[in-house]
Amino acid sequence: MAKFLLVVKSQDQPNVNTAVNVANGLKMMGAEDVRVVFLGPGITALDKKGKLSEIVSKNVDAFRKNSVKVYACEMAMKNYNVSKEELVHADEISRGADVIVKFANEGYIILTF
């Protein structure tokens, strides 16, 4: 079975929306594991202060139901002034590059949005 890591680096609404839908869709289609990391400008999709967070907010229950794990990049949080309390959802806060390397080494297919 396939395992996927979706890297969301865009703060463009269609890209964030597509990433969220693909993450849930992959799990529903039988992917073994799906994880999503928000880094760089993409961290704004997790920031309660921004409009993009509505996309993630509406999908938190689906992420949980589908066991899609969400990572927030701590460096992006620092660079975009997003505190842990301002995150609409994150299962883990880690350095985005560390997440990418870890799952690449574990054979995950990496999709970038």
N, C-alpha and C. Protein backbone atom coordinates (compact mmCIF):
# COMPACT_ATOMS: atom_id res chain seq x y z
N MET A 1 0.84 -1.20 0.00
CA MET A 1 0.00 0.00 0.00
C MET A 1 0.88 1.25 0.00
N ALA A 2 0.36 2.29 -0.62
CA ALA A 2 1.12 3.54 -0.75
C ALA A 2 0.99 4.41 0.49
N LYS A 3 2.08 5.14 0.74
CA LYS A 3 2.12 6.11 1.84
C LYS A 3 2.48 7.46 1.22
N PHE A 4 1.79 8.52 1.66
CA PHE A 4 1.96 9.84 1.07
C PHE A 4 2.28 10.91 2.11
N LEU A 5 3.15 11.83 1.72
CA LEU A 5 3.39 13.06 2.47
C LEU A 5 3.04 14.20 1.54
N LEU A 6 2.08 15.01 1.95
CA LEU A 6 1.70 16.18 1.18
C LEU A 6 2.38 17.39 1.80
N VAL A 7 3.12 18.13 1.00
CA VAL A 7 3.83 19.32 1.46
C VAL A 7 3.06 20.53 0.95
N VAL A 8 2.51 21.30 1.89
CA VAL A 8 1.73 22.49 1.53
C VAL A 8 2.60 23.70 1.80
N LYS A 9 3.09 24.31 0.72
CA LYS A 9 3.94 25.49 0.84
C LYS A 9 3.28 26.72 0.25
N SER A 10 2.09 26.55 -0.29
CA SER A 10 1.36 27.63 -0.94
C SER A 10 0.38 28.29 0.02
N GLN A 11 0.17 29.57 -0.16
CA GLN A 11 -0.90 30.24 0.57
C GLN A 11 -2.01 30.64 -0.40
N ASP A 12 -2.04 29.94 -1.54
CA ASP A 12 -3.06 30.14 -2.55
C ASP A 12 -4.26 29.25 -2.23
N GLN A 13 -5.43 29.82 -2.14
CA GLN A 13 -6.63 29.10 -1.72
C GLN A 13 -6.89 27.82 -2.53
N PRO A 14 -6.84 27.87 -3.88
CA PRO A 14 -7.09 26.62 -4.62
C PRO A 14 -6.07 25.52 -4.30
N ASN A 15 -4.81 25.88 -4.10
CA ASN A 15 -3.79 24.87 -3.78
C ASN A 15 -4.02 24.25 -2.41
N VAL A 16 -4.34 25.09 -1.42
CA VAL A 16 -4.59 24.58 -0.07
C VAL A 16 -5.83 23.69 -0.08
N ASN A 17 -6.87 24.13 -0.76
CA ASN A 17 -8.10 23.35 -0.85
C ASN A 17 -7.84 21.99 -1.51
N THR A 18 -7.08 22.01 -2.59
CA THR A 18 -6.76 20.77 -3.29
C THR A 18 -5.95 19.83 -2.40
N ALA A 19 -4.97 20.36 -1.69
CA ALA A 19 -4.14 19.54 -0.81
C ALA A 19 -4.99 18.85 0.26
N VAL A 20 -5.89 19.61 0.87
CA VAL A 20 -6.75 19.05 1.92
C VAL A 20 -7.65 17.97 1.34
N ASN A 21 -8.25 18.24 0.18
CA ASN A 21 -9.13 17.26 -0.44
C ASN A 21 -8.36 16.00 -0.88
N VAL A 22 -7.17 16.19 -1.43
CA VAL A 22 -6.36 15.05 -1.85
C VAL A 22 -5.96 14.20 -0.64
N ALA A 23 -5.57 14.85 0.45
CA ALA A 23 -5.18 14.11 1.65
C ALA A 23 -6.30 13.18 2.12
N ASN A 24 -7.49 13.73 2.24
CA ASN A 24 -8.63 12.91 2.68
C ASN A 24 -8.99 11.87 1.62
N GLY A 25 -8.94 12.26 0.36
CA GLY A 25 -9.28 11.34 -0.72
C GLY A 25 -8.34 10.15 -0.80
N LEU A 26 -7.04 10.40 -0.63
CA LEU A 26 -6.08 9.31 -0.67
C LEU A 26 -6.38 8.27 0.40
N LYS A 27 -6.70 8.73 1.60
CA LYS A 27 -7.02 7.79 2.69
C LYS A 27 -8.30 7.03 2.38
N MET A 28 -9.29 7.73 1.85
CA MET A 28 -10.56 7.08 1.54
C MET A 28 -10.41 6.06 0.40
N MET A 29 -9.40 6.27 -0.45
CA MET A 29 -9.15 5.36 -1.57
C MET A 29 -8.23 4.20 -1.18
N GLY A 30 -7.83 4.16 0.08
CA GLY A 30 -7.09 3.01 0.57
C GLY A 30 -5.61 3.21 0.82
N ALA A 31 -5.12 4.45 0.74
CA ALA A 31 -3.70 4.68 1.05
C ALA A 31 -3.42 4.21 2.48
N GLU A 32 -2.28 3.61 2.67
CA GLU A 32 -1.90 3.10 3.98
C GLU A 32 -1.74 4.23 5.00
N ASP A 33 -1.07 5.30 4.59
CA ASP A 33 -0.81 6.41 5.51
C ASP A 33 -0.73 7.70 4.71
N VAL A 34 -1.30 8.76 5.26
CA VAL A 34 -1.25 10.09 4.64
C VAL A 34 -0.92 11.10 5.72
N ARG A 35 0.08 11.92 5.43
CA ARG A 35 0.50 12.98 6.34
C ARG A 35 0.62 14.27 5.55
N VAL A 36 0.39 15.39 6.25
CA VAL A 36 0.45 16.70 5.60
C VAL A 36 1.33 17.61 6.44
N VAL A 37 2.28 18.27 5.79
CA VAL A 37 3.12 19.25 6.49
C VAL A 37 2.88 20.61 5.85
N PHE A 38 2.59 21.60 6.68
CA PHE A 38 2.41 22.97 6.25
C PHE A 38 3.68 23.73 6.58
N LEU A 39 4.34 24.27 5.53
CA LEU A 39 5.59 25.00 5.77
C LEU A 39 5.66 26.23 4.89
N GLY A 40 6.64 27.09 5.18
CA GLY A 40 6.77 28.34 4.44
C GLY A 40 5.45 29.09 4.48
N PRO A 41 5.08 29.75 3.38
CA PRO A 41 3.82 30.50 3.36
C PRO A 41 2.59 29.62 3.63
N GLY A 42 2.72 28.32 3.41
CA GLY A 42 1.60 27.42 3.66
C GLY A 42 1.15 27.38 5.10
N ILE A 43 2.00 27.80 6.01
CA ILE A 43 1.63 27.81 7.43
C ILE A 43 0.43 28.71 7.67
N THR A 44 0.21 29.68 6.78
CA THR A 44 -0.93 30.59 6.96
C THR A 44 -2.26 29.84 6.87
N ALA A 45 -2.28 28.66 6.28
CA ALA A 45 -3.50 27.87 6.21
C ALA A 45 -3.90 27.30 7.57
N LEU A 46 -2.96 27.30 8.51
CA LEU A 46 -3.25 26.82 9.86
C LEU A 46 -3.47 27.96 10.85
N ASP A 47 -3.29 29.19 10.40
CA ASP A 47 -3.37 30.38 11.26
C ASP A 47 -4.81 30.85 11.39
N LYS A 48 -5.36 30.77 12.60
CA LYS A 48 -6.74 31.18 12.86
C LYS A 48 -7.04 32.60 12.41
N LYS A 49 -6.01 33.43 12.32
CA LYS A 49 -6.21 34.83 11.95
C LYS A 49 -6.50 35.01 10.46
N GLY A 50 -6.25 33.99 9.66
CA GLY A 50 -6.38 34.13 8.21
C GLY A 50 -7.57 33.37 7.64
N LYS A 51 -7.97 33.78 6.45
CA LYS A 51 -9.11 33.15 5.76
C LYS A 51 -8.86 31.69 5.40
N LEU A 52 -7.61 31.38 5.06
CA LEU A 52 -7.29 30.01 4.63
C LEU A 52 -7.57 28.97 5.70
N SER A 53 -7.51 29.39 6.95
CA SER A 53 -7.70 28.43 8.04
C SER A 53 -9.10 27.82 8.01
N GLU A 54 -10.05 28.49 7.36
CA GLU A 54 -11.40 27.94 7.24
C GLU A 54 -11.38 26.60 6.50
N ILE A 55 -10.50 26.49 5.50
CA ILE A 55 -10.39 25.25 4.73
C ILE A 55 -9.98 24.10 5.65
N VAL A 56 -8.96 24.34 6.45
CA VAL A 56 -8.49 23.30 7.36
C VAL A 56 -9.51 23.05 8.46
N SER A 57 -10.09 24.11 9.01
CA SER A 57 -11.08 23.98 10.09
C SER A 57 -12.23 23.06 9.69
N LYS A 58 -12.69 23.22 8.46
CA LYS A 58 -13.81 22.43 7.97
C LYS A 58 -13.43 20.96 7.78
N ASN A 59 -12.15 20.66 7.78
CA ASN A 59 -11.69 19.30 7.50
C ASN A 59 -11.03 18.60 8.68
N VAL A 60 -11.00 19.24 9.83
CA VAL A 60 -10.34 18.64 11.00
C VAL A 60 -10.99 17.29 11.34
N ASP A 61 -12.31 17.24 11.35
CA ASP A 61 -12.99 15.98 11.68
C ASP A 61 -12.66 14.90 10.66
N ALA A 62 -12.61 15.27 9.37
CA ALA A 62 -12.26 14.30 8.32
C ALA A 62 -10.82 13.83 8.49
N PHE A 63 -9.91 14.76 8.82
CA PHE A 63 -8.52 14.35 9.07
C PHE A 63 -8.47 13.33 10.19
N ARG A 64 -9.18 13.60 11.26
CA ARG A 64 -9.16 12.68 12.40
C ARG A 64 -9.79 11.34 12.03
N LYS A 65 -10.93 11.38 11.35
CA LYS A 65 -11.62 10.15 10.94
C LYS A 65 -10.74 9.32 10.02
N ASN A 66 -10.03 9.99 9.11
CA ASN A 66 -9.19 9.30 8.14
C ASN A 66 -7.75 9.06 8.63
N SER A 67 -7.46 9.44 9.86
CA SER A 67 -6.12 9.30 10.43
C SER A 67 -5.05 10.00 9.60
N VAL A 68 -5.37 11.20 9.12
CA VAL A 68 -4.41 12.04 8.41
C VAL A 68 -3.71 12.90 9.45
N LYS A 69 -2.40 12.73 9.59
CA LYS A 69 -1.65 13.48 10.59
C LYS A 69 -1.13 14.78 9.99
N VAL A 70 -1.31 15.88 10.73
CA VAL A 70 -0.94 17.22 10.26
C VAL A 70 0.25 17.75 11.06
N TYR A 71 1.25 18.23 10.33
CA TYR A 71 2.44 18.82 10.94
C TYR A 71 2.48 20.31 10.61
N ALA A 72 2.84 21.11 11.59
CA ALA A 72 3.08 22.54 11.39
C ALA A 72 4.58 22.77 11.52
N CYS A 73 5.16 23.47 10.56
CA CYS A 73 6.60 23.76 10.59
C CYS A 73 6.89 24.86 11.61
N GLU A 74 7.73 24.54 12.58
CA GLU A 74 8.05 25.51 13.62
C GLU A 74 8.81 26.72 13.09
N MET A 75 9.64 26.51 12.08
CA MET A 75 10.37 27.64 11.50
C MET A 75 9.42 28.58 10.76
N ALA A 76 8.47 28.01 10.02
CA ALA A 76 7.48 28.83 9.33
C ALA A 76 6.62 29.59 10.34
N MET A 77 6.29 28.93 11.44
CA MET A 77 5.50 29.60 12.48
C MET A 77 6.25 30.83 12.98
N LYS A 78 7.54 30.66 13.19
CA LYS A 78 8.36 31.78 13.66
C LYS A 78 8.41 32.88 12.60
N ASN A 79 8.67 32.49 11.34
CA ASN A 79 8.81 33.47 10.27
C ASN A 79 7.53 34.21 9.94
N TYR A 80 6.39 33.56 10.15
CA TYR A 80 5.10 34.17 9.83
C TYR A 80 4.33 34.59 11.09
N ASN A 81 5.02 34.59 12.22
CA ASN A 81 4.44 35.05 13.49
C ASN A 81 3.14 34.34 13.84
N VAL A 82 3.19 33.02 13.82
CA VAL A 82 2.03 32.21 14.18
C VAL A 82 2.39 31.42 15.44
N SER A 83 1.65 31.65 16.50
CA SER A 83 1.91 30.93 17.74
C SER A 83 1.16 29.59 17.76
N LYS A 84 1.55 28.72 18.65
CA LYS A 84 0.89 27.42 18.80
C LYS A 84 -0.60 27.61 19.07
N GLU A 85 -0.93 28.62 19.87
CA GLU A 85 -2.33 28.88 20.23
C GLU A 85 -3.15 29.36 19.04
N GLU A 86 -2.47 29.89 18.03
CA GLU A 86 -3.17 30.42 16.86
C GLU A 86 -3.39 29.36 15.77
N LEU A 87 -2.87 28.17 15.98
CA LEU A 87 -3.05 27.10 15.00
C LEU A 87 -4.47 26.53 15.09
N VAL A 88 -5.11 26.42 13.95
CA VAL A 88 -6.45 25.86 13.91
C VAL A 88 -6.40 24.34 14.14
N HIS A 89 -5.30 23.72 13.73
CA HIS A 89 -5.12 22.28 13.93
C HIS A 89 -3.67 21.91 13.62
N ALA A 90 -3.10 21.07 14.43
CA ALA A 90 -1.79 20.46 14.15
C ALA A 90 -1.63 19.31 15.14
N ASP A 91 -1.25 18.17 14.60
CA ASP A 91 -0.97 17.03 15.48
C ASP A 91 0.43 17.14 16.07
N GLU A 92 1.32 17.80 15.32
CA GLU A 92 2.70 17.92 15.78
C GLU A 92 3.33 19.18 15.18
N ILE A 93 4.19 19.81 15.97
CA ILE A 93 4.98 20.94 15.48
C ILE A 93 6.41 20.45 15.36
N SER A 94 6.95 20.55 14.15
CA SER A 94 8.30 20.05 13.86
C SER A 94 8.93 20.94 12.80
N ARG A 95 10.22 20.78 12.61
CA ARG A 95 10.85 21.47 11.48
C ARG A 95 10.41 20.78 10.20
N GLY A 96 9.90 21.56 9.26
CA GLY A 96 9.37 21.01 8.03
C GLY A 96 10.36 20.15 7.27
N ALA A 97 11.61 20.60 7.19
CA ALA A 97 12.63 19.83 6.48
C ALA A 97 12.86 18.48 7.15
N ASP A 98 12.82 18.44 8.46
CA ASP A 98 12.98 17.18 9.18
C ASP A 98 11.86 16.20 8.84
N VAL A 99 10.63 16.73 8.75
CA VAL A 99 9.48 15.89 8.41
C VAL A 99 9.65 15.32 7.00
N ILE A 100 10.05 16.17 6.07
CA ILE A 100 10.22 15.73 4.68
C ILE A 100 11.30 14.65 4.57
N VAL A 101 12.44 14.88 5.19
CA VAL A 101 13.53 13.90 5.13
C VAL A 101 13.12 12.58 5.77
N LYS A 102 12.50 12.67 6.93
CA LYS A 102 12.08 11.45 7.65
C LYS A 102 11.18 10.58 6.77
N PHE A 103 10.15 11.19 6.19
CA PHE A 103 9.20 10.38 5.43
C PHE A 103 9.72 10.01 4.05
N ALA A 104 10.59 10.81 3.48
CA ALA A 104 11.24 10.42 2.22
C ALA A 104 12.09 9.18 2.46
N ASN A 105 12.82 9.16 3.58
CA ASN A 105 13.65 8.00 3.93
C ASN A 105 12.82 6.75 4.21
N GLU A 106 11.56 6.97 4.58
CA GLU A 106 10.66 5.83 4.85
C GLU A 106 9.86 5.41 3.61
N GLY A 107 10.17 6.03 2.46
CA GLY A 107 9.55 5.61 1.21
C GLY A 107 8.22 6.25 0.87
N TYR A 108 7.86 7.31 1.57
CA TYR A 108 6.61 8.00 1.27
C TYR A 108 6.70 8.68 -0.10
N ILE A 109 5.59 8.70 -0.81
CA ILE A 109 5.47 9.48 -2.04
C ILE A 109 5.19 10.92 -1.60
N ILE A 110 5.96 11.85 -2.13
CA ILE A 110 5.82 13.25 -1.72
C ILE A 110 5.10 14.04 -2.81
N LEU A 111 4.01 14.67 -2.41
CA LEU A 111 3.23 15.54 -3.29
C LEU A 111 3.34 16.95 -2.76
N THR A 112 3.55 17.92 -3.64
CA THR A 112 3.75 19.29 -3.21
C THR A 112 2.64 20.19 -3.76
N PHE A 113 2.13 21.02 -2.88
CA PHE A 113 1.08 21.98 -3.24
C PHE A 113 1.50 23.38 -2.87
